[in-house]
Amino acid sequence: VGSLSGLMVNLDNKDIQVKDVTEEYVDIE
């Protein structure tokens, strides 16, 4: 992501979303 930001001349928006799957992973295990 850092290297992409360096390549962009004009960055209008950056949105990073995280999905935590720990609970589902532990449940399935």
PDB file of all heavy atoms in Angstrom:
ATOM      1  N   VAL A   1       0.843  -1.202   0.000  1.00  0.00           N
ATOM      2  CA  VAL A   1       0.000   0.000   0.000  1.00  0.00           C
ATOM      3  C   VAL A   1       0.874   1.246   0.000  1.00  0.00           C
ATOM      4  O   VAL A   1       0.595   2.224  -0.701  1.00  0.00           O
ATOM      5  CB  VAL A   1      -0.974  -0.008   1.204  1.00  0.00           C
ATOM      6  CG1 VAL A   1      -1.688   1.328   1.359  1.00  0.00           C
ATOM      7  CG2 VAL A   1      -2.004  -1.118   1.043  1.00  0.00           C
ATOM      8  N   GLY A   2       1.963   1.215   0.750  1.00  0.00           N
ATOM      9  CA  GLY A   2       2.896   2.349   0.766  1.00  0.00           C
ATOM     10  C   GLY A   2       3.513   2.594  -0.594  1.00  0.00           C
ATOM     11  O   GLY A   2       3.642   3.747  -1.031  1.00  0.00           O
ATOM     12  N   SER A   3       3.864   1.536  -1.298  1.00  0.00           N
ATOM     13  CA  SER A   3       4.459   1.717  -2.628  1.00  0.00           C
ATOM     14  C   SER A   3       3.430   2.241  -3.624  1.00  0.00           C
ATOM     15  O   SER A   3       3.758   3.030  -4.506  1.00  0.00           O
ATOM     16  CB  SER A   3       5.071   0.410  -3.134  1.00  0.00           C
ATOM     17  OG  SER A   3       4.064  -0.551  -3.382  1.00  0.00           O
ATOM     18  N   LEU A   4       2.165   1.841  -3.458  1.00  0.00           N
ATOM     19  CA  LEU A   4       1.110   2.372  -4.327  1.00  0.00           C
ATOM     20  C   LEU A   4       0.904   3.866  -4.098  1.00  0.00           C
ATOM     21  O   LEU A   4       0.747   4.631  -5.042  1.00  0.00           O
ATOM     22  CB  LEU A   4      -0.219   1.651  -4.078  1.00  0.00           C
ATOM     23  CG  LEU A   4      -0.419   0.302  -4.718  1.00  0.00           C
ATOM     24  CD1 LEU A   4      -1.793  -0.251  -4.357  1.00  0.00           C
ATOM     25  CD2 LEU A   4      -0.283   0.375  -6.220  1.00  0.00           C
ATOM     26  N   SER A   5       0.908   4.264  -2.837  1.00  0.00           N
ATOM     27  CA  SER A   5       0.713   5.673  -2.510  1.00  0.00           C
ATOM     28  C   SER A   5       1.820   6.515  -3.116  1.00  0.00           C
ATOM     29  O   SER A   5       1.582   7.644  -3.546  1.00  0.00           O
ATOM     30  CB  SER A   5       0.676   5.878  -0.992  1.00  0.00           C
ATOM     31  OG  SER A   5      -0.433   5.199  -0.437  1.00  0.00           O
ATOM     32  N   GLY A   6       3.027   5.972  -3.164  1.00  0.00           N
ATOM     33  CA  GLY A   6       4.152   6.692  -3.768  1.00  0.00           C
ATOM     34  C   GLY A   6       4.011   6.831  -5.273  1.00  0.00           C
ATOM     35  O   GLY A   6       4.521   7.780  -5.869  1.00  0.00           O
ATOM     36  N   LEU A   7       3.304   5.913  -5.905  1.00  0.00           N
ATOM     37  CA  LEU A   7       3.121   5.956  -7.354  1.00  0.00           C
ATOM     38  C   LEU A   7       1.980   6.872  -7.782  1.00  0.00           C
ATOM     39  O   LEU A   7       1.954   7.349  -8.917  1.00  0.00           O
ATOM     40  CB  LEU A   7       2.837   4.543  -7.896  1.00  0.00           C
ATOM     41  CG  LEU A   7       3.954   3.519  -7.771  1.00  0.00           C
ATOM     42  CD1 LEU A   7       3.451   2.146  -8.210  1.00  0.00           C
ATOM     43  CD2 LEU A   7       5.149   3.929  -8.609  1.00  0.00           C
ATOM     44  N   MET A   8       1.035   7.099  -6.885  1.00  0.00           N
ATOM     45  CA  MET A   8      -0.143   7.895  -7.227  1.00  0.00           C
ATOM     46  C   MET A   8       0.192   9.384  -7.203  1.00  0.00           C
ATOM     47  O   MET A   8       0.724   9.891  -6.216  1.00  0.00           O
ATOM     48  CB  MET A   8      -1.287   7.636  -6.234  1.00  0.00           C
ATOM     49  CG  MET A   8      -1.718   6.209  -6.158  1.00  0.00           C
ATOM     50  SD  MET A   8      -2.521   5.726  -7.674  1.00  0.00           S
ATOM     51  CE  MET A   8      -2.772   4.011  -7.360  1.00  0.00           C
ATOM     52  N   VAL A   9      -0.127  10.063  -8.289  1.00  0.00           N
ATOM     53  CA  VAL A   9       0.087  11.505  -8.359  1.00  0.00           C
ATOM     54  C   VAL A   9      -1.023  12.226  -7.609  1.00  0.00           C
ATOM     55  O   VAL A   9      -0.794  13.142  -6.838  1.00  0.00           O
ATOM     56  CB  VAL A   9       0.138  11.978  -9.841  1.00  0.00           C
ATOM     57  CG1 VAL A   9       0.242  13.486  -9.916  1.00  0.00           C
ATOM     58  CG2 VAL A   9       1.284  11.293 -10.558  1.00  0.00           C
ATOM     59  N   ASN A  10      -2.256  11.765  -7.814  1.00  0.00           N
ATOM     60  CA  ASN A  10      -3.409  12.403  -7.187  1.00  0.00           C
ATOM     61  C   ASN A  10      -4.268  11.310  -6.549  1.00  0.00           C
ATOM     62  O   ASN A  10      -4.964  10.597  -7.241  1.00  0.00           O
ATOM     63  CB  ASN A  10      -4.205  13.183  -8.232  1.00  0.00           C
ATOM     64  CG  ASN A  10      -5.339  13.981  -7.628  1.00  0.00           C
ATOM     65  OD1 ASN A  10      -5.414  14.128  -6.416  1.00  0.00           O
ATOM     66  ND2 ASN A  10      -6.223  14.482  -8.467  1.00  0.00           N
ATOM     67  N   LEU A  11      -4.220  11.211  -5.245  1.00  0.00           N
ATOM     68  CA  LEU A  11      -4.978  10.193  -4.521  1.00  0.00           C
ATOM     69  C   LEU A  11      -6.202  10.855  -3.904  1.00  0.00           C
ATOM     70  O   LEU A  11      -6.097  11.683  -3.012  1.00  0.00           O
ATOM     71  CB  LEU A  11      -4.104   9.560  -3.432  1.00  0.00           C
ATOM     72  CG  LEU A  11      -4.734   8.467  -2.591  1.00  0.00           C
ATOM     73  CD1 LEU A  11      -5.092   7.259  -3.464  1.00  0.00           C
ATOM     74  CD2 LEU A  11      -3.779   8.034  -1.489  1.00  0.00           C
ATOM     75  N   ASP A  12      -7.391  10.512  -4.416  1.00  0.00           N
ATOM     76  CA  ASP A  12      -8.630  11.112  -3.928  1.00  0.00           C
ATOM     77  C   ASP A  12      -9.122  10.454  -2.644  1.00  0.00           C
ATOM     78  O   ASP A  12      -9.644  11.118  -1.758  1.00  0.00           O
ATOM     79  CB  ASP A  12      -9.747  11.001  -4.988  1.00  0.00           C
ATOM     80  CG  ASP A  12      -9.457  11.838  -6.214  1.00  0.00           C
ATOM     81  OD1 ASP A  12      -8.783  12.875  -6.079  1.00  0.00           O
ATOM     82  OD2 ASP A  12      -9.902  11.446  -7.307  1.00  0.00           O
ATOM     83  N   ASN A  13      -8.977   9.158  -2.545  1.00  0.00           N
ATOM     84  CA  ASN A  13      -9.568   8.451  -1.420  1.00  0.00           C
ATOM     85  C   ASN A  13      -8.811   7.155  -1.169  1.00  0.00           C
ATOM     86  O   ASN A  13      -8.436   6.457  -2.107  1.00  0.00           O
ATOM     87  CB  ASN A  13     -11.051   8.152  -1.711  1.00  0.00           C
ATOM     88  CG  ASN A  13     -11.756   7.494  -0.552  1.00  0.00           C
ATOM     89  OD1 ASN A  13     -11.368   7.645   0.592  1.00  0.00           O
ATOM     90  ND2 ASN A  13     -12.806   6.756  -0.854  1.00  0.00           N
ATOM     91  N   LYS A  14      -8.608   6.832   0.091  1.00  0.00           N
ATOM     92  CA  LYS A  14      -8.013   5.545   0.461  1.00  0.00           C
ATOM     93  C   LYS A  14      -8.854   5.005   1.614  1.00  0.00           C
ATOM     94  O   LYS A  14      -9.009   5.652   2.642  1.00  0.00           O
ATOM     95  CB  LYS A  14      -6.556   5.720   0.885  1.00  0.00           C
ATOM     96  CG  LYS A  14      -5.901   4.424   1.309  1.00  0.00           C
ATOM     97  CD  LYS A  14      -4.393   4.517   1.448  1.00  0.00           C
ATOM     98  CE  LYS A  14      -3.998   5.165   2.725  1.00  0.00           C
ATOM     99  NZ  LYS A  14      -2.541   5.085   2.995  1.00  0.00           N
ATOM    100  N   ASP A  15      -9.424   3.831   1.427  1.00  0.00           N
ATOM    101  CA  ASP A  15     -10.301   3.221   2.431  1.00  0.00           C
ATOM    102  C   ASP A  15      -9.821   1.801   2.683  1.00  0.00           C
ATOM    103  O   ASP A  15      -9.855   0.962   1.786  1.00  0.00           O
ATOM    104  CB  ASP A  15     -11.748   3.236   1.928  1.00  0.00           C
ATOM    105  CG  ASP A  15     -12.721   2.625   2.922  1.00  0.00           C
ATOM    106  OD1 ASP A  15     -12.458   2.695   4.127  1.00  0.00           O
ATOM    107  OD2 ASP A  15     -13.745   2.082   2.468  1.00  0.00           O
ATOM    108  N   ILE A  16      -9.375   1.530   3.888  1.00  0.00           N
ATOM    109  CA  ILE A  16      -8.885   0.192   4.235  1.00  0.00           C
ATOM    110  C   ILE A  16      -9.840  -0.389   5.262  1.00  0.00           C
ATOM    111  O   ILE A  16     -10.109   0.222   6.296  1.00  0.00           O
ATOM    112  CB  ILE A  16      -7.448   0.248   4.787  1.00  0.00           C
ATOM    113  CG1 ILE A  16      -6.510   0.786   3.715  1.00  0.00           C
ATOM    114  CG2 ILE A  16      -7.014  -1.129   5.274  1.00  0.00           C
ATOM    115  CD1 ILE A  16      -5.084   0.973   4.169  1.00  0.00           C
ATOM    116  N   GLN A  17     -10.364  -1.583   4.961  1.00  0.00           N
ATOM    117  CA  GLN A  17     -11.296  -2.267   5.855  1.00  0.00           C
ATOM    118  C   GLN A  17     -10.694  -3.601   6.276  1.00  0.00           C
ATOM    119  O   GLN A  17     -10.048  -4.270   5.479  1.00  0.00           O
ATOM    120  CB  GLN A  17     -12.636  -2.491   5.159  1.00  0.00           C
ATOM    121  CG  GLN A  17     -13.315  -1.206   4.757  1.00  0.00           C
ATOM    122  CD  GLN A  17     -14.587  -1.456   3.964  1.00  0.00           C
ATOM    123  OE1 GLN A  17     -14.989  -2.587   3.753  1.00  0.00           O
ATOM    124  NE2 GLN A  17     -15.211  -0.379   3.539  1.00  0.00           N
ATOM    125  N   VAL A  18     -10.949  -3.950   7.502  1.00  0.00           N
ATOM    126  CA  VAL A  18     -10.417  -5.194   8.060  1.00  0.00           C
ATOM    127  C   VAL A  18     -11.584  -6.057   8.522  1.00  0.00           C
ATOM    128  O   VAL A  18     -12.522  -5.563   9.133  1.00  0.00           O
ATOM    129  CB  VAL A  18      -9.485  -4.890   9.256  1.00  0.00           C
ATOM    130  CG1 VAL A  18      -8.996  -6.178   9.889  1.00  0.00           C
ATOM    131  CG2 VAL A  18      -8.329  -4.010   8.837  1.00  0.00           C
ATOM    132  N   LYS A  19     -11.501  -7.347   8.204  1.00  0.00           N
ATOM    133  CA  LYS A  19     -12.505  -8.293   8.681  1.00  0.00           C
ATOM    134  C   LYS A  19     -11.791  -9.318   9.566  1.00  0.00           C
ATOM    135  O   LYS A  19     -10.931 -10.059   9.102  1.00  0.00           O
ATOM    136  CB  LYS A  19     -13.199  -8.990   7.507  1.00  0.00           C
ATOM    137  CG  LYS A  19     -14.244  -9.990   7.949  1.00  0.00           C
ATOM    138  CD  LYS A  19     -14.897 -10.669   6.762  1.00  0.00           C
ATOM    139  CE  LYS A  19     -15.895 -11.711   7.224  1.00  0.00           C
ATOM    140  NZ  LYS A  19     -16.423 -12.483   6.116  1.00  0.00           N
ATOM    141  N   ASP A  20     -12.142  -9.342  10.827  1.00  0.00           N
ATOM    142  CA  ASP A  20     -11.534 -10.273  11.772  1.00  0.00           C
ATOM    143  C   ASP A  20     -12.300 -11.595  11.733  1.00  0.00           C
ATOM    144  O   ASP A  20     -13.481 -11.641  12.029  1.00  0.00           O
ATOM    145  CB  ASP A  20     -11.569  -9.678  13.183  1.00  0.00           C
ATOM    146  CG  ASP A  20     -10.815 -10.527  14.191  1.00  0.00           C
ATOM    147  OD1 ASP A  20     -10.258 -11.586  13.815  1.00  0.00           O
ATOM    148  OD2 ASP A  20     -10.778 -10.133  15.371  1.00  0.00           O
ATOM    149  N   VAL A  21     -11.609 -12.659  11.346  1.00  0.00           N
ATOM    150  CA  VAL A  21     -12.244 -13.978  11.238  1.00  0.00           C
ATOM    151  C   VAL A  21     -11.803 -14.910  12.366  1.00  0.00           C
ATOM    152  O   VAL A  21     -12.075 -16.103  12.332  1.00  0.00           O
ATOM    153  CB  VAL A  21     -11.960 -14.628   9.858  1.00  0.00           C
ATOM    154  CG1 VAL A  21     -12.587 -13.822   8.739  1.00  0.00           C
ATOM    155  CG2 VAL A  21     -10.474 -14.815   9.638  1.00  0.00           C
ATOM    156  N   THR A  22     -11.165 -14.352  13.387  1.00  0.00           N
ATOM    157  CA  THR A  22     -10.632 -15.164  14.480  1.00  0.00           C
ATOM    158  C   THR A  22     -11.712 -15.988  15.169  1.00  0.00           C
ATOM    159  O   THR A  22     -11.540 -17.188  15.394  1.00  0.00           O
ATOM    160  CB  THR A  22      -9.931 -14.262  15.522  1.00  0.00           C
ATOM    161  OG1 THR A  22      -8.940 -13.484  14.865  1.00  0.00           O
ATOM    162  CG2 THR A  22      -9.296 -15.087  16.621  1.00  0.00           C
ATOM    163  N   GLU A  23     -12.831 -15.351  15.501  1.00  0.00           N
ATOM    164  CA  GLU A  23     -13.892 -16.055  16.226  1.00  0.00           C
ATOM    165  C   GLU A  23     -14.435 -17.222  15.404  1.00  0.00           C
ATOM    166  O   GLU A  23     -14.607 -18.338  15.921  1.00  0.00           O
ATOM    167  CB  GLU A  23     -15.026 -15.080  16.551  1.00  0.00           C
ATOM    168  CG  GLU A  23     -16.122 -15.690  17.396  1.00  0.00           C
ATOM    169  CD  GLU A  23     -17.199 -14.679  17.764  1.00  0.00           C
ATOM    170  OE1 GLU A  23     -16.900 -13.491  17.914  1.00  0.00           O
ATOM    171  OE2 GLU A  23     -18.358 -15.114  17.884  1.00  0.00           O
ATOM    172  N   GLU A  24     -14.696 -16.980  14.129  1.00  0.00           N
ATOM    173  CA  GLU A  24     -15.212 -18.052  13.267  1.00  0.00           C
ATOM    174  C   GLU A  24     -14.177 -19.165  13.122  1.00  0.00           C
ATOM    175  O   GLU A  24     -14.511 -20.347  13.166  1.00  0.00           O
ATOM    176  CB  GLU A  24     -15.585 -17.491  11.898  1.00  0.00           C
ATOM    177  CG  GLU A  24     -16.180 -18.532  10.982  1.00  0.00           C
ATOM    178  CD  GLU A  24     -16.561 -17.983   9.611  1.00  0.00           C
ATOM    179  OE1 GLU A  24     -16.324 -16.803   9.320  1.00  0.00           O
ATOM    180  OE2 GLU A  24     -17.098 -18.782   8.819  1.00  0.00           O
ATOM    181  N   TYR A  25     -12.907 -18.802  12.963  1.00  0.00           N
ATOM    182  CA  TYR A  25     -11.824 -19.773  12.799  1.00  0.00           C
ATOM    183  C   TYR A  25     -11.737 -20.683  14.029  1.00  0.00           C
ATOM    184  O   TYR A  25     -11.707 -21.904  13.914  1.00  0.00           O
ATOM    185  CB  TYR A  25     -10.503 -19.022  12.584  1.00  0.00           C
ATOM    186  CG  TYR A  25      -9.342 -19.896  12.223  1.00  0.00           C
ATOM    187  CD1 TYR A  25      -9.023 -20.150  10.895  1.00  0.00           C
ATOM    188  CD2 TYR A  25      -8.537 -20.471  13.205  1.00  0.00           C
ATOM    189  CE1 TYR A  25      -7.943 -20.943  10.559  1.00  0.00           C
ATOM    190  CE2 TYR A  25      -7.458 -21.270  12.880  1.00  0.00           C
ATOM    191  CZ  TYR A  25      -7.169 -21.503  11.550  1.00  0.00           C
ATOM    192  OH  TYR A  25      -6.108 -22.303  11.223  1.00  0.00           O
ATOM    193  N   VAL A  26     -11.727 -20.080  15.209  1.00  0.00           N
ATOM    194  CA  VAL A  26     -11.629 -20.852  16.457  1.00  0.00           C
ATOM    195  C   VAL A  26     -12.856 -21.738  16.630  1.00  0.00           C
ATOM    196  O   VAL A  26     -12.753 -22.900  17.034  1.00  0.00           O
ATOM    197  CB  VAL A  26     -11.442 -19.905  17.664  1.00  0.00           C
ATOM    198  CG1 VAL A  26     -11.568 -20.645  18.978  1.00  0.00           C
ATOM    199  CG2 VAL A  26     -10.094 -19.204  17.582  1.00  0.00           C
ATOM    200  N   ASP A  27     -14.034 -21.201  16.304  1.00  0.00           N
ATOM    201  CA  ASP A  27     -15.272 -21.973  16.411  1.00  0.00           C
ATOM    202  C   ASP A  27     -15.232 -23.194  15.501  1.00  0.00           C
ATOM    203  O   ASP A  27     -15.567 -24.300  15.923  1.00  0.00           O
ATOM    204  CB  ASP A  27     -16.472 -21.084  16.062  1.00  0.00           C
ATOM    205  CG  ASP A  27     -17.781 -21.846  16.106  1.00  0.00           C
ATOM    206  OD1 ASP A  27     -18.107 -22.410  17.174  1.00  0.00           O
ATOM    207  OD2 ASP A  27     -18.484 -21.879  15.076  1.00  0.00           O
ATOM    208  N   ILE A  28     -14.818 -23.015  14.277  1.00  0.00           N
ATOM    209  CA  ILE A  28     -14.775 -24.139  13.332  1.00  0.00           C
ATOM    210  C   ILE A  28     -13.741 -25.167  13.766  1.00  0.00           C
ATOM    211  O   ILE A  28     -13.995 -26.371  13.704  1.00  0.00           O
ATOM    212  CB  ILE A  28     -14.517 -23.648  11.894  1.00  0.00           C
ATOM    213  CG1 ILE A  28     -15.740 -22.873  11.397  1.00  0.00           C
ATOM    214  CG2 ILE A  28     -14.210 -24.817  10.969  1.00  0.00           C
ATOM    215  CD1 ILE A  28     -15.554 -22.218  10.047  1.00  0.00           C
ATOM    216  N   GLU A  29     -12.583 -24.703  14.226  1.00  0.00           N
ATOM    217  CA  GLU A  29     -11.571 -25.648  14.717  1.00  0.00           C
ATOM    218  C   GLU A  29     -12.126 -26.495  15.859  1.00  0.00           C
ATOM    219  O   GLU A  29     -11.921 -27.710  15.901  1.00  0.00           O
ATOM    220  CB  GLU A  29     -10.332 -24.893  15.215  1.00  0.00           C
ATOM    221  CG  GLU A  29      -9.328 -24.581  14.165  1.00  0.00           C
ATOM    222  CD  GLU A  29      -8.031 -24.060  14.764  1.00  0.00           C
ATOM    223  OE1 GLU A  29      -8.053 -23.372  15.797  1.00  0.00           O
ATOM    224  OE2 GLU A  29      -6.985 -24.362  14.170  1.00  0.00           O
TER     225      GLU A  29
END
